[in-house]
Amino acid sequence: MNKSEKGGNIQQIGSNIKGIELLWIVKSTNKITLEEFEKRLIFLTQDIKSILVSRKLSAEEFDKLEEIAKTNSVRIIEEKDIIGALPEQSFEESGVGYALKDIEIPIVMIAGAGENCNKFELELLIANKLKEIGYKVSVVTSRSYVNCLGVHSFPTFMFQSLKDESEKIIAYNNYIKYLSEMDKPDIFVLGVPGGILPITRRQPEHFGVSAFEVFNSVKPDYMIFNLYNADVESKYLSEIKMLMRYRFDVDIDAFYISNYIQDGLSLNTYMPIKYIRQEQHDVEEKWQKFGEGIYYKSKIALLVENLIQTLNGYKEIEIL
């Protein structure tokens, strides 16, 4: 159950609910009131058997969820109950000082201009394509609470206030090293939460702190940057490449175009940013003129092909 800012049409949301056995409550950038949350739960729990909770609920929301679930004989499943948690103390500073560990596995990293620019979707699309070809892939997503999808969530220790930035950088590096030894993947797909810098003074986008931490922790072998489907010129793409190079010491290999744009009027308010979804054909029509290096959903196969060619090229250089 993704939370819609204005509540949406409950009948429309539940029009195809017959036959659905599980309701999944996930994290969302949008907000609804407790009253709207209750209305949706009452409507959507009439015919289902279980509710999977993959997001943090307020005490009031969870109490309401338990009450409604009990009334309708619905089982509540919390993600931690079926996945468990990695011992985060394992990823504290280890070894000599603040030295970073080498990651021998090729890393594909996906960052973006901000929230809601299809980073998570792209992480899963690329991972699935690579698996179809025969690669073993380990995914650490840009989202929290999605372990039930067979991927690793962005670790919760990255949001702990008790750790300073240096400790988080080391912990994330140790975490990826740990996964390289446990999962033994051929390729990592890593997602970076949020954006890379503030959008406006009123919408700081967490100041790009997560990007700073991740890029200082591990370096990508193939870098994808997600953009909103806005009207831009080629100069803008060059500026983004320069920004990534000089701020994070990372070169962009490909741009991926989201089918969302930000509502410009909301960027200078203190309210949550509003996002407008656009049709895929609008994305393709707008970006065809930019040629190579620009990808969108219908060009995923080409993106993965370019990714593999690039990584294989690095192997040839190492041999020489």
C-alpha atoms as a PDB file:
ATOM      1  CA  MET A   1       0.000   0.000   0.000  1.00  0.00           C
ATOM      2  CA  ASN A   2       1.742   3.103  -1.251  1.00  0.00           C
ATOM      3  CA  LYS A   3       0.547   6.275   0.429  1.00  0.00           C
ATOM      4  CA  SER A   4      -0.982   8.860  -1.874  1.00  0.00           C
ATOM      5  CA  GLU A   5      -0.757  12.503  -0.916  1.00  0.00           C
ATOM      6  CA  LYS A   6      -4.411  13.313  -1.459  1.00  0.00           C
ATOM      7  CA  GLY A   7      -5.801   9.932  -0.539  1.00  0.00           C
ATOM      8  CA  GLY A   8      -6.859   8.969  -4.051  1.00  0.00           C
ATOM      9  CA  ASN A   9      -9.990   7.023  -4.886  1.00  0.00           C
ATOM     10  CA  ILE A  10     -10.323   4.081  -2.508  1.00  0.00           C
ATOM     11  CA  GLN A  11     -12.739   2.250  -4.793  1.00  0.00           C
ATOM     12  CA  GLN A  12     -10.273   2.571  -7.664  1.00  0.00           C
ATOM     13  CA  ILE A  13      -7.419   1.304  -5.483  1.00  0.00           C
ATOM     14  CA  GLY A  14      -9.382  -1.750  -4.456  1.00  0.00           C
ATOM     15  CA  SER A  15     -11.210  -2.434  -7.726  1.00  0.00           C
ATOM     16  CA  ASN A  16      -9.030  -5.455  -8.496  1.00  0.00           C
ATOM     17  CA  ILE A  17      -8.498  -6.692  -4.951  1.00  0.00           C
ATOM     18  CA  LYS A  18     -10.482  -9.917  -5.384  1.00  0.00           C
ATOM     19  CA  GLY A  19      -8.091 -12.844  -5.361  1.00  0.00           C
ATOM     20  CA  ILE A  20      -5.257 -10.911  -3.706  1.00  0.00           C
ATOM     21  CA  GLU A  21      -4.021 -12.712  -0.601  1.00  0.00           C
ATOM     22  CA  LEU A  22      -1.426 -10.273   0.747  1.00  0.00           C
ATOM     23  CA  LEU A  23      -1.382  -6.506   1.280  1.00  0.00           C
ATOM     24  CA  TRP A  24       2.116  -4.998   1.281  1.00  0.00           C
ATOM     25  CA  ILE A  25       2.630  -1.717   3.161  1.00  0.00           C
ATOM     26  CA  VAL A  26       5.749  -0.064   1.747  1.00  0.00           C
ATOM     27  CA  LYS A  27       7.704   3.134   2.237  1.00  0.00           C
ATOM     28  CA  SER A  28       6.523   6.164   0.268  1.00  0.00           C
ATOM     29  CA  THR A  29       7.592   9.775  -0.130  1.00  0.00           C
ATOM     30  CA  ASN A  30       3.960  10.913   0.095  1.00  0.00           C
ATOM     31  CA  LYS A  31       1.879  11.341   3.231  1.00  0.00           C
ATOM     32  CA  ILE A  32      -1.715  10.652   4.247  1.00  0.00           C
ATOM     33  CA  THR A  33      -3.585  11.282   7.462  1.00  0.00           C
ATOM     34  CA  LEU A  34      -4.257   8.625  10.076  1.00  0.00           C
ATOM     35  CA  GLU A  35      -7.941   8.815   9.128  1.00  0.00           C
ATOM     36  CA  GLU A  36      -7.174   8.067   5.472  1.00  0.00           C
ATOM     37  CA  PHE A  37      -4.795   5.278   6.518  1.00  0.00           C
ATOM     38  CA  GLU A  38      -7.620   3.718   8.541  1.00  0.00           C
ATOM     39  CA  LYS A  39     -10.123   4.016   5.659  1.00  0.00           C
ATOM     40  CA  ARG A  40      -7.780   2.252   3.270  1.00  0.00           C
ATOM     41  CA  LEU A  41      -7.026  -0.538   5.707  1.00  0.00           C
ATOM     42  CA  ILE A  42     -10.714  -1.176   6.394  1.00  0.00           C
ATOM     43  CA  PHE A  43     -11.466  -1.367   2.672  1.00  0.00           C
ATOM     44  CA  LEU A  44      -8.400  -3.355   1.614  1.00  0.00           C
ATOM     45  CA  THR A  45      -8.450  -5.949   4.407  1.00  0.00           C
ATOM     46  CA  GLN A  46     -11.911  -7.299   3.637  1.00  0.00           C
ATOM     47  CA  ASP A  47     -10.706 -10.176   1.438  1.00  0.00           C
ATOM     48  CA  ILE A  48      -6.998 -10.637   2.135  1.00  0.00           C
ATOM     49  CA  LYS A  49      -5.257 -13.098   4.453  1.00  0.00           C
ATOM     50  CA  SER A  50      -2.020 -11.336   5.399  1.00  0.00           C
ATOM     51  CA  ILE A  51      -0.394  -7.904   5.629  1.00  0.00           C
ATOM     52  CA  LEU A  52       3.363  -7.529   5.113  1.00  0.00           C
ATOM     53  CA  VAL A  53       4.804  -4.397   6.743  1.00  0.00           C
ATOM     54  CA  SER A  54       8.020  -3.118   5.134  1.00  0.00           C
ATOM     55  CA  ARG A  55       7.932   0.435   6.419  1.00  0.00           C
ATOM     56  CA  LYS A  56       8.140   2.130   9.779  1.00  0.00           C
ATOM     57  CA  LEU A  57       4.677   2.936  11.098  1.00  0.00           C
ATOM     58  CA  SER A  58       3.898   5.431  13.813  1.00  0.00           C
ATOM     59  CA  ALA A  59       2.561   4.023  17.075  1.00  0.00           C
ATOM     60  CA  GLU A  60      -0.920   5.274  16.143  1.00  0.00           C
ATOM     61  CA  GLU A  61      -0.738   3.671  12.690  1.00  0.00           C
ATOM     62  CA  PHE A  62       0.448   0.328  14.052  1.00  0.00           C
ATOM     63  CA  ASP A  63      -2.245   0.307  16.759  1.00  0.00           C
ATOM     64  CA  LYS A  64      -4.870   0.976  14.097  1.00  0.00           C
ATOM     65  CA  LEU A  65      -3.387  -1.749  11.887  1.00  0.00           C
ATOM     66  CA  GLU A  66      -3.517  -4.305  14.723  1.00  0.00           C
ATOM     67  CA  GLU A  67      -7.105  -3.364  15.562  1.00  0.00           C
ATOM     68  CA  ILE A  68      -8.357  -3.699  11.978  1.00  0.00           C
ATOM     69  CA  ALA A  69      -6.349  -6.871  11.321  1.00  0.00           C
ATOM     70  CA  LYS A  70      -7.802  -8.513  14.427  1.00  0.00           C
ATOM     71  CA  THR A  71     -11.343  -7.558  13.410  1.00  0.00           C
ATOM     72  CA  ASN A  72     -10.895  -9.096   9.933  1.00  0.00           C
ATOM     73  CA  SER A  73      -8.775 -12.083  11.076  1.00  0.00           C
ATOM     74  CA  VAL A  74      -5.810 -10.886   9.008  1.00  0.00           C
ATOM     75  CA  ARG A  75      -2.266 -11.922   9.907  1.00  0.00           C
ATOM     76  CA  ILE A  76       0.377  -9.169  10.251  1.00  0.00           C
ATOM     77  CA  ILE A  77       3.873 -10.057   9.036  1.00  0.00           C
ATOM     78  CA  GLU A  78       6.754  -7.717   9.806  1.00  0.00           C
ATOM     79  CA  GLU A  79       9.683  -7.977   7.428  1.00  0.00           C
ATOM     80  CA  LYS A  80      12.142  -8.520  10.260  1.00  0.00           C
ATOM     81  CA  ASP A  81      10.213 -11.666  11.234  1.00  0.00           C
ATOM     82  CA  ILE A  82      10.871 -13.377   7.893  1.00  0.00           C
ATOM     83  CA  ILE A  83      14.248 -11.895   6.977  1.00  0.00           C
ATOM     84  CA  GLY A  84      16.054 -11.302  10.248  1.00  0.00           C
ATOM     85  CA  ALA A  85      18.736  -8.663  10.700  1.00  0.00           C
ATOM     86  CA  LEU A  86      22.455  -8.726   9.979  1.00  0.00           C
ATOM     87  CA  PRO A  87      24.626  -8.118  13.046  1.00  0.00           C
ATOM     88  CA  GLU A  88      25.459  -4.480  12.411  1.00  0.00           C
ATOM     89  CA  GLN A  89      28.288  -4.544  14.927  1.00  0.00           C
ATOM     90  CA  SER A  90      30.142  -6.651  12.337  1.00  0.00           C
ATOM     91  CA  PHE A  91      30.473  -3.586  10.151  1.00  0.00           C
ATOM     92  CA  GLU A  92      32.100  -1.278  12.649  1.00  0.00           C
ATOM     93  CA  GLU A  93      35.658  -0.068  12.171  1.00  0.00           C
ATOM     94  CA  SER A  94      38.033  -3.006  11.914  1.00  0.00           C
ATOM     95  CA  GLY A  95      41.660  -3.427  10.996  1.00  0.00           C
ATOM     96  CA  VAL A  96      44.070  -0.512  10.983  1.00  0.00           C
ATOM     97  CA  GLY A  97      42.501   2.900  11.584  1.00  0.00           C
ATOM     98  CA  TYR A  98      40.043   4.073   8.974  1.00  0.00           C
ATOM     99  CA  ALA A  99      41.481   2.081   6.066  1.00  0.00           C
ATOM    100  CA  LEU A 100      38.959   1.030   3.410  1.00  0.00           C
ATOM    101  CA  LYS A 101      38.843  -2.571   2.252  1.00  0.00           C
ATOM    102  CA  ASP A 102      39.299  -3.443  -1.408  1.00  0.00           C
ATOM    103  CA  ILE A 103      36.179  -4.748  -3.151  1.00  0.00           C
ATOM    104  CA  GLU A 104      37.239  -7.120  -5.915  1.00  0.00           C
ATOM    105  CA  ILE A 105      33.720  -7.587  -7.327  1.00  0.00           C
ATOM    106  CA  PRO A 106      32.679  -5.210 -10.169  1.00  0.00           C
ATOM    107  CA  ILE A 107      30.278  -2.562  -8.884  1.00  0.00           C
ATOM    108  CA  VAL A 108      27.417  -1.042 -10.861  1.00  0.00           C
ATOM    109  CA  MET A 109      26.152   2.005  -8.991  1.00  0.00           C
ATOM    110  CA  ILE A 110      22.925   3.926  -9.515  1.00  0.00           C
ATOM    111  CA  ALA A 111      22.503   7.463  -8.177  1.00  0.00           C
ATOM    112  CA  GLY A 112      20.109  10.192  -9.206  1.00  0.00           C
ATOM    113  CA  ALA A 113      18.937  13.767  -9.152  1.00  0.00           C
ATOM    114  CA  GLY A 114      16.665  13.121  -6.163  1.00  0.00           C
ATOM    115  CA  GLU A 115      13.847  10.984  -4.815  1.00  0.00           C
ATOM    116  CA  ASN A 116      11.310   9.320  -7.125  1.00  0.00           C
ATOM    117  CA  CYS A 117      13.538   9.112 -10.196  1.00  0.00           C
ATOM    118  CA  ASN A 118      13.167   5.328 -10.677  1.00  0.00           C
ATOM    119  CA  LYS A 119      16.453   4.317  -9.035  1.00  0.00           C
ATOM    120  CA  PHE A 120      14.921   1.356  -7.224  1.00  0.00           C
ATOM    121  CA  GLU A 121      13.059   0.191 -10.324  1.00  0.00           C
ATOM    122  CA  LEU A 122      16.261   0.388 -12.364  1.00  0.00           C
ATOM    123  CA  GLU A 123      18.246  -1.527  -9.744  1.00  0.00           C
ATOM    124  CA  LEU A 124      15.801  -4.428 -10.021  1.00  0.00           C
ATOM    125  CA  LEU A 125      15.569  -4.257 -13.830  1.00  0.00           C
ATOM    126  CA  ILE A 126      19.340  -4.395 -14.263  1.00  0.00           C
ATOM    127  CA  ALA A 127      19.733  -7.172 -11.704  1.00  0.00           C
ATOM    128  CA  ASN A 128      17.043  -9.278 -13.393  1.00  0.00           C
ATOM    129  CA  LYS A 129      18.572  -8.775 -16.854  1.00  0.00           C
ATOM    130  CA  LEU A 130      22.011  -9.770 -15.592  1.00  0.00           C
ATOM    131  CA  LYS A 131      20.548 -12.856 -13.915  1.00  0.00           C
ATOM    132  CA  GLU A 132      18.803 -13.844 -17.159  1.00  0.00           C
ATOM    133  CA  ILE A 133      22.175 -13.776 -18.916  1.00  0.00           C
ATOM    134  CA  GLY A 134      23.675 -15.992 -16.227  1.00  0.00           C
ATOM    135  CA  TYR A 135      25.411 -13.596 -13.832  1.00  0.00           C
ATOM    136  CA  LYS A 136      25.110 -13.951 -10.074  1.00  0.00           C
ATOM    137  CA  VAL A 137      24.082 -10.533  -8.774  1.00  0.00           C
ATOM    138  CA  SER A 138      24.022  -9.061  -5.278  1.00  0.00           C
ATOM    139  CA  VAL A 139      21.826  -5.967  -4.937  1.00  0.00           C
ATOM    140  CA  VAL A 140      21.990  -3.362  -2.171  1.00  0.00           C
ATOM    141  CA  THR A 141      19.099  -1.072  -2.974  1.00  0.00           C
ATOM    142  CA  SER A 142      18.601   2.638  -2.436  1.00  0.00           C
ATOM    143  CA  ARG A 143      15.579   1.824  -0.255  1.00  0.00           C
ATOM    144  CA  SER A 144      15.085   0.508   3.247  1.00  0.00           C
ATOM    145  CA  TYR A 145      12.776  -2.356   4.225  1.00  0.00           C
ATOM    146  CA  VAL A 146      12.724  -4.277   0.921  1.00  0.00           C
ATOM    147  CA  ASN A 147      14.653  -7.417   1.922  1.00  0.00           C
ATOM    148  CA  CYS A 148      11.600  -9.555   1.197  1.00  0.00           C
ATOM    149  CA  LEU A 149      12.199  -8.992  -2.540  1.00  0.00           C
ATOM    150  CA  GLY A 150      15.375 -11.057  -2.393  1.00  0.00           C
ATOM    151  CA  VAL A 151      17.659  -8.013  -2.299  1.00  0.00           C
ATOM    152  CA  HIS A 152      19.542  -6.218   0.473  1.00  0.00           C
ATOM    153  CA  SER A 153      17.997  -3.015   1.808  1.00  0.00           C
ATOM    154  CA  PHE A 154      20.089   0.101   2.283  1.00  0.00           C
ATOM    155  CA  PRO A 155      21.529  -0.608   5.751  1.00  0.00           C
ATOM    156  CA  THR A 156      19.833   1.025   8.718  1.00  0.00           C
ATOM    157  CA  PHE A 157      23.156   1.845  10.391  1.00  0.00           C
ATOM    158  CA  MET A 158      23.638   4.539   7.745  1.00  0.00           C
ATOM    159  CA  PHE A 159      20.838   6.505   9.428  1.00  0.00           C
ATOM    160  CA  GLN A 160      22.049   6.109  13.021  1.00  0.00           C
ATOM    161  CA  SER A 161      22.779   9.410  14.736  1.00  0.00           C
ATOM    162  CA  LEU A 162      25.329   7.742  17.045  1.00  0.00           C
ATOM    163  CA  LYS A 163      27.720   7.209  14.136  1.00  0.00           C
ATOM    164  CA  ASP A 164      29.668  10.083  12.599  1.00  0.00           C
ATOM    165  CA  GLU A 165      30.217  10.280   8.840  1.00  0.00           C
ATOM    166  CA  SER A 166      33.628   8.591   8.948  1.00  0.00           C
ATOM    167  CA  GLU A 167      32.192   5.643  10.864  1.00  0.00           C
ATOM    168  CA  LYS A 168      29.318   5.275   8.392  1.00  0.00           C
ATOM    169  CA  ILE A 169      31.702   5.318   5.425  1.00  0.00           C
ATOM    170  CA  ILE A 170      33.819   2.575   6.996  1.00  0.00           C
ATOM    171  CA  ALA A 171      30.735   0.581   8.052  1.00  0.00           C
ATOM    172  CA  TYR A 172      29.241   0.647   4.534  1.00  0.00           C
ATOM    173  CA  ASN A 173      32.580  -0.394   3.039  1.00  0.00           C
ATOM    174  CA  ASN A 174      32.802  -3.286   5.520  1.00  0.00           C
ATOM    175  CA  TYR A 175      29.188  -4.210   4.742  1.00  0.00           C
ATOM    176  CA  ILE A 176      29.860  -4.497   0.996  1.00  0.00           C
ATOM    177  CA  LYS A 177      33.038  -6.472   1.709  1.00  0.00           C
ATOM    178  CA  TYR A 178      31.015  -8.813   3.930  1.00  0.00           C
ATOM    179  CA  LEU A 179      28.405  -9.339   1.188  1.00  0.00           C
ATOM    180  CA  SER A 180      31.132 -10.015  -1.372  1.00  0.00           C
ATOM    181  CA  GLU A 181      32.326 -12.909   0.790  1.00  0.00           C
ATOM    182  CA  MET A 182      28.870 -14.180   1.771  1.00  0.00           C
ATOM    183  CA  ASP A 183      26.964 -13.814  -1.531  1.00  0.00           C
ATOM    184  CA  LYS A 184      30.006 -14.372  -3.775  1.00  0.00           C
ATOM    185  CA  PRO A 185      28.378 -12.436  -6.644  1.00  0.00           C
ATOM    186  CA  ASP A 186      29.764 -11.822 -10.116  1.00  0.00           C
ATOM    187  CA  ILE A 187      28.468  -8.243 -10.004  1.00  0.00           C
ATOM    188  CA  PHE A 188      27.200  -5.823  -7.358  1.00  0.00           C
ATOM    189  CA  VAL A 189      24.312  -3.447  -8.108  1.00  0.00           C
ATOM    190  CA  LEU A 190      24.327  -0.674  -5.491  1.00  0.00           C
ATOM    191  CA  GLY A 191      21.738   2.087  -5.159  1.00  0.00           C
ATOM    192  CA  VAL A 192      22.364   5.507  -3.611  1.00  0.00           C
ATOM    193  CA  PRO A 193      19.418   7.023  -1.679  1.00  0.00           C
ATOM    194  CA  GLY A 194      18.260  10.572  -2.333  1.00  0.00           C
ATOM    195  CA  GLY A 195      19.977  13.137  -4.506  1.00  0.00           C
ATOM    196  CA  ILE A 196      23.523  14.435  -4.750  1.00  0.00           C
ATOM    197  CA  LEU A 197      22.970  18.031  -3.615  1.00  0.00           C
ATOM    198  CA  PRO A 198      20.227  20.353  -2.318  1.00  0.00           C
ATOM    199  CA  ILE A 199      17.550  21.302  -4.842  1.00  0.00           C
ATOM    200  CA  THR A 200      16.546  24.575  -3.183  1.00  0.00           C
ATOM    201  CA  ARG A 201      17.045  26.104   0.267  1.00  0.00           C
ATOM    202  CA  ARG A 202      13.583  24.876   1.236  1.00  0.00           C
ATOM    203  CA  GLN A 203      14.059  21.417  -0.295  1.00  0.00           C
ATOM    204  CA  PRO A 204      17.596  20.387   0.704  1.00  0.00           C
ATOM    205  CA  GLU A 205      17.159  16.671  -0.214  1.00  0.00           C
ATOM    206  CA  HIS A 206      19.236  15.700   2.849  1.00  0.00           C
ATOM    207  CA  PHE A 207      22.106  17.719   1.325  1.00  0.00           C
ATOM    208  CA  GLY A 208      23.359  14.706  -0.642  1.00  0.00           C
ATOM    209  CA  VAL A 209      24.799  13.193   2.541  1.00  0.00           C
ATOM    210  CA  SER A 210      24.064   9.575   1.561  1.00  0.00           C
ATOM    211  CA  ALA A 211      25.775  10.090  -1.788  1.00  0.00           C
ATOM    212  CA  PHE A 212      28.826  11.558  -0.039  1.00  0.00           C
ATOM    213  CA  GLU A 213      29.021   8.554   2.287  1.00  0.00           C
ATOM    214  CA  VAL A 214      28.525   5.857  -0.347  1.00  0.00           C
ATOM    215  CA  PHE A 215      30.879   7.339  -2.957  1.00  0.00           C
ATOM    216  CA  ASN A 216      33.609   7.715  -0.340  1.00  0.00           C
ATOM    217  CA  SER A 217      33.053   4.140   0.796  1.00  0.00           C
ATOM    218  CA  VAL A 218      33.165   2.283  -2.535  1.00  0.00           C
ATOM    219  CA  LYS A 219      33.879   3.329  -6.113  1.00  0.00           C
ATOM    220  CA  PRO A 220      31.771   2.131  -9.049  1.00  0.00           C
ATOM    221  CA  ASP A 221      33.123   0.361 -12.099  1.00  0.00           C
ATOM    222  CA  TYR A 222      30.006   1.449 -14.007  1.00  0.00           C
ATOM    223  CA  MET A 223      28.054   4.540 -12.978  1.00  0.00           C
ATOM    224  CA  ILE A 224      24.435   5.264 -13.949  1.00  0.00           C
ATOM    225  CA  PHE A 225      22.826   8.603 -13.122  1.00  0.00           C
ATOM    226  CA  ASN A 226      19.025   8.892 -13.121  1.00  0.00           C
ATOM    227  CA  LEU A 227      17.395  12.108 -14.305  1.00  0.00           C
ATOM    228  CA  TYR A 228      13.850  13.424 -14.192  1.00  0.00           C
ATOM    229  CA  ASN A 229      12.049  13.732 -17.512  1.00  0.00           C
ATOM    230  CA  ALA A 230      12.577  17.490 -17.612  1.00  0.00           C
ATOM    231  CA  ASP A 231      13.369  19.767 -20.551  1.00  0.00           C
ATOM    232  CA  VAL A 232      17.159  20.102 -20.571  1.00  0.00           C
ATOM    233  CA  GLU A 233      19.952  20.754 -23.044  1.00  0.00           C
ATOM    234  CA  SER A 234      23.109  18.720 -23.642  1.00  0.00           C
ATOM    235  CA  LYS A 235      25.029  21.332 -21.633  1.00  0.00           C
ATOM    236  CA  TYR A 236      23.113  20.243 -18.528  1.00  0.00           C
ATOM    237  CA  LEU A 237      24.294  16.642 -18.979  1.00  0.00           C
ATOM    238  CA  SER A 238      27.892  17.843 -19.290  1.00  0.00           C
ATOM    239  CA  GLU A 239      27.520  19.866 -16.094  1.00  0.00           C
ATOM    240  CA  ILE A 240      26.170  16.830 -14.209  1.00  0.00           C
ATOM    241  CA  LYS A 241      29.156  14.794 -15.400  1.00  0.00           C
ATOM    242  CA  MET A 242      31.559  17.494 -14.229  1.00  0.00           C
ATOM    243  CA  LEU A 243      29.779  17.771 -10.884  1.00  0.00           C
ATOM    244  CA  MET A 244      30.027  14.016 -10.267  1.00  0.00           C
ATOM    245  CA  ARG A 245      33.684  13.949 -11.276  1.00  0.00           C
ATOM    246  CA  TYR A 246      34.858  16.808  -9.083  1.00  0.00           C
ATOM    247  CA  ARG A 247      32.540  16.310  -6.109  1.00  0.00           C
ATOM    248  CA  PHE A 248      32.665  12.509  -5.841  1.00  0.00           C
ATOM    249  CA  ASP A 249      35.582  11.464  -8.088  1.00  0.00           C
ATOM    250  CA  VAL A 250      33.174   9.388 -10.200  1.00  0.00           C
ATOM    251  CA  ASP A 251      32.642   9.328 -13.975  1.00  0.00           C
ATOM    252  CA  ILE A 252      29.119   8.792 -15.324  1.00  0.00           C
ATOM    253  CA  ASP A 253      28.869   5.988 -17.891  1.00  0.00           C
ATOM    254  CA  ALA A 254      25.155   6.299 -18.662  1.00  0.00           C
ATOM    255  CA  PHE A 255      22.099   8.429 -17.953  1.00  0.00           C
ATOM    256  CA  TYR A 256      18.733   6.797 -17.257  1.00  0.00           C
ATOM    257  CA  ILE A 257      15.587   8.867 -17.716  1.00  0.00           C
ATOM    258  CA  SER A 258      12.794   8.549 -15.187  1.00  0.00           C
ATOM    259  CA  ASN A 259       9.140   8.857 -16.155  1.00  0.00           C
ATOM    260  CA  TYR A 260       8.634  11.378 -13.350  1.00  0.00           C
ATOM    261  CA  ILE A 261       9.149  15.110 -13.155  1.00  0.00           C
ATOM    262  CA  GLN A 262       9.107  17.347 -10.108  1.00  0.00           C
ATOM    263  CA  ASP A 263       6.312  19.866  -9.722  1.00  0.00           C
ATOM    264  CA  GLY A 264       8.294  23.107  -9.922  1.00  0.00           C
ATOM    265  CA  LEU A 265       5.859  25.003  -7.698  1.00  0.00           C
ATOM    266  CA  SER A 266       6.504  22.603  -4.815  1.00  0.00           C
ATOM    267  CA  LEU A 267      10.277  23.072  -4.905  1.00  0.00           C
ATOM    268  CA  ASN A 268      10.143  26.399  -3.083  1.00  0.00           C
ATOM    269  CA  THR A 269       7.703  25.342  -0.376  1.00  0.00           C
ATOM    270  CA  TYR A 270       8.248  23.558   2.925  1.00  0.00           C
ATOM    271  CA  MET A 271       5.721  20.877   1.952  1.00  0.00           C
ATOM    272  CA  PRO A 272       6.828  17.521   0.455  1.00  0.00           C
ATOM    273  CA  ILE A 273       7.872  17.745  -3.185  1.00  0.00           C
ATOM    274  CA  LYS A 274       5.128  16.701  -5.593  1.00  0.00           C
ATOM    275  CA  TYR A 275       5.947  14.382  -8.487  1.00  0.00           C
ATOM    276  CA  ILE A 276       4.112  14.073 -11.783  1.00  0.00           C
ATOM    277  CA  ARG A 277       4.152  10.751 -13.606  1.00  0.00           C
ATOM    278  CA  GLN A 278       4.501  10.871 -17.387  1.00  0.00           C
ATOM    279  CA  GLU A 279       3.807   8.316 -20.092  1.00  0.00           C
ATOM    280  CA  GLN A 280       6.746   6.312 -21.382  1.00  0.00           C
ATOM    281  CA  HIS A 281       6.254   7.459 -24.975  1.00  0.00           C
ATOM    282  CA  ASP A 282       6.657  11.062 -23.770  1.00  0.00           C
ATOM    283  CA  VAL A 283      10.016  10.134 -22.248  1.00  0.00           C
ATOM    284  CA  GLU A 284      11.235   8.445 -25.425  1.00  0.00           C
ATOM    285  CA  GLU A 285      10.074  11.268 -27.685  1.00  0.00           C
ATOM    286  CA  LYS A 286      11.823  13.909 -25.578  1.00  0.00           C
ATOM    287  CA  TRP A 287      15.192  12.136 -25.224  1.00  0.00           C
ATOM    288  CA  GLN A 288      15.728  10.469 -28.612  1.00  0.00           C
ATOM    289  CA  LYS A 289      17.607  13.535 -29.850  1.00  0.00           C
ATOM    290  CA  PHE A 290      20.421  13.032 -27.309  1.00  0.00           C
ATOM    291  CA  GLY A 291      21.682   9.813 -28.912  1.00  0.00           C
ATOM    292  CA  GLU A 292      24.123   7.446 -27.205  1.00  0.00           C
ATOM    293  CA  GLY A 293      24.553   7.262 -23.466  1.00  0.00           C
ATOM    294  CA  ILE A 294      20.873   7.990 -22.770  1.00  0.00           C
ATOM    295  CA  TYR A 295      18.636   5.117 -21.713  1.00  0.00           C
ATOM    296  CA  TYR A 296      15.064   4.592 -20.549  1.00  0.00           C
ATOM    297  CA  LYS A 297      12.860   1.600 -19.748  1.00  0.00           C
ATOM    298  CA  SER A 298      12.492   0.320 -23.309  1.00  0.00           C
ATOM    299  CA  LYS A 299      16.295   0.380 -23.718  1.00  0.00           C
ATOM    300  CA  ILE A 300      17.212  -1.678 -20.642  1.00  0.00           C
ATOM    301  CA  ALA A 301      18.663  -4.487 -22.773  1.00  0.00           C
ATOM    302  CA  LEU A 302      20.955  -1.989 -24.534  1.00  0.00           C
ATOM    303  CA  LEU A 303      21.991  -0.478 -21.202  1.00  0.00           C
ATOM    304  CA  VAL A 304      22.945  -3.887 -19.795  1.00  0.00           C
ATOM    305  CA  GLU A 305      24.802  -4.723 -23.012  1.00  0.00           C
ATOM    306  CA  ASN A 306      26.835  -1.512 -22.702  1.00  0.00           C
ATOM    307  CA  LEU A 307      27.432  -2.220 -19.021  1.00  0.00           C
ATOM    308  CA  ILE A 308      28.838  -5.696 -19.729  1.00  0.00           C
ATOM    309  CA  GLN A 309      31.024  -4.433 -22.583  1.00  0.00           C
ATOM    310  CA  THR A 310      32.449  -1.727 -20.316  1.00  0.00           C
ATOM    311  CA  LEU A 311      33.223  -4.138 -17.471  1.00  0.00           C
ATOM    312  CA  ASN A 312      34.780  -6.655 -19.875  1.00  0.00           C
ATOM    313  CA  GLY A 313      36.935  -3.839 -21.255  1.00  0.00           C
ATOM    314  CA  TYR A 314      38.333  -3.202 -17.779  1.00  0.00           C
ATOM    315  CA  LYS A 315      39.258  -6.894 -17.491  1.00  0.00           C
ATOM    316  CA  GLU A 316      41.194  -6.734 -20.772  1.00  0.00           C
ATOM    317  CA  ILE A 317      43.110  -3.678 -19.542  1.00  0.00           C
ATOM    318  CA  GLU A 318      44.014  -5.488 -16.300  1.00  0.00           C
ATOM    319  CA  ILE A 319      45.335  -8.486 -18.262  1.00  0.00           C
ATOM    320  CA  LEU A 320      47.453  -6.247 -20.508  1.00  0.00           C
END
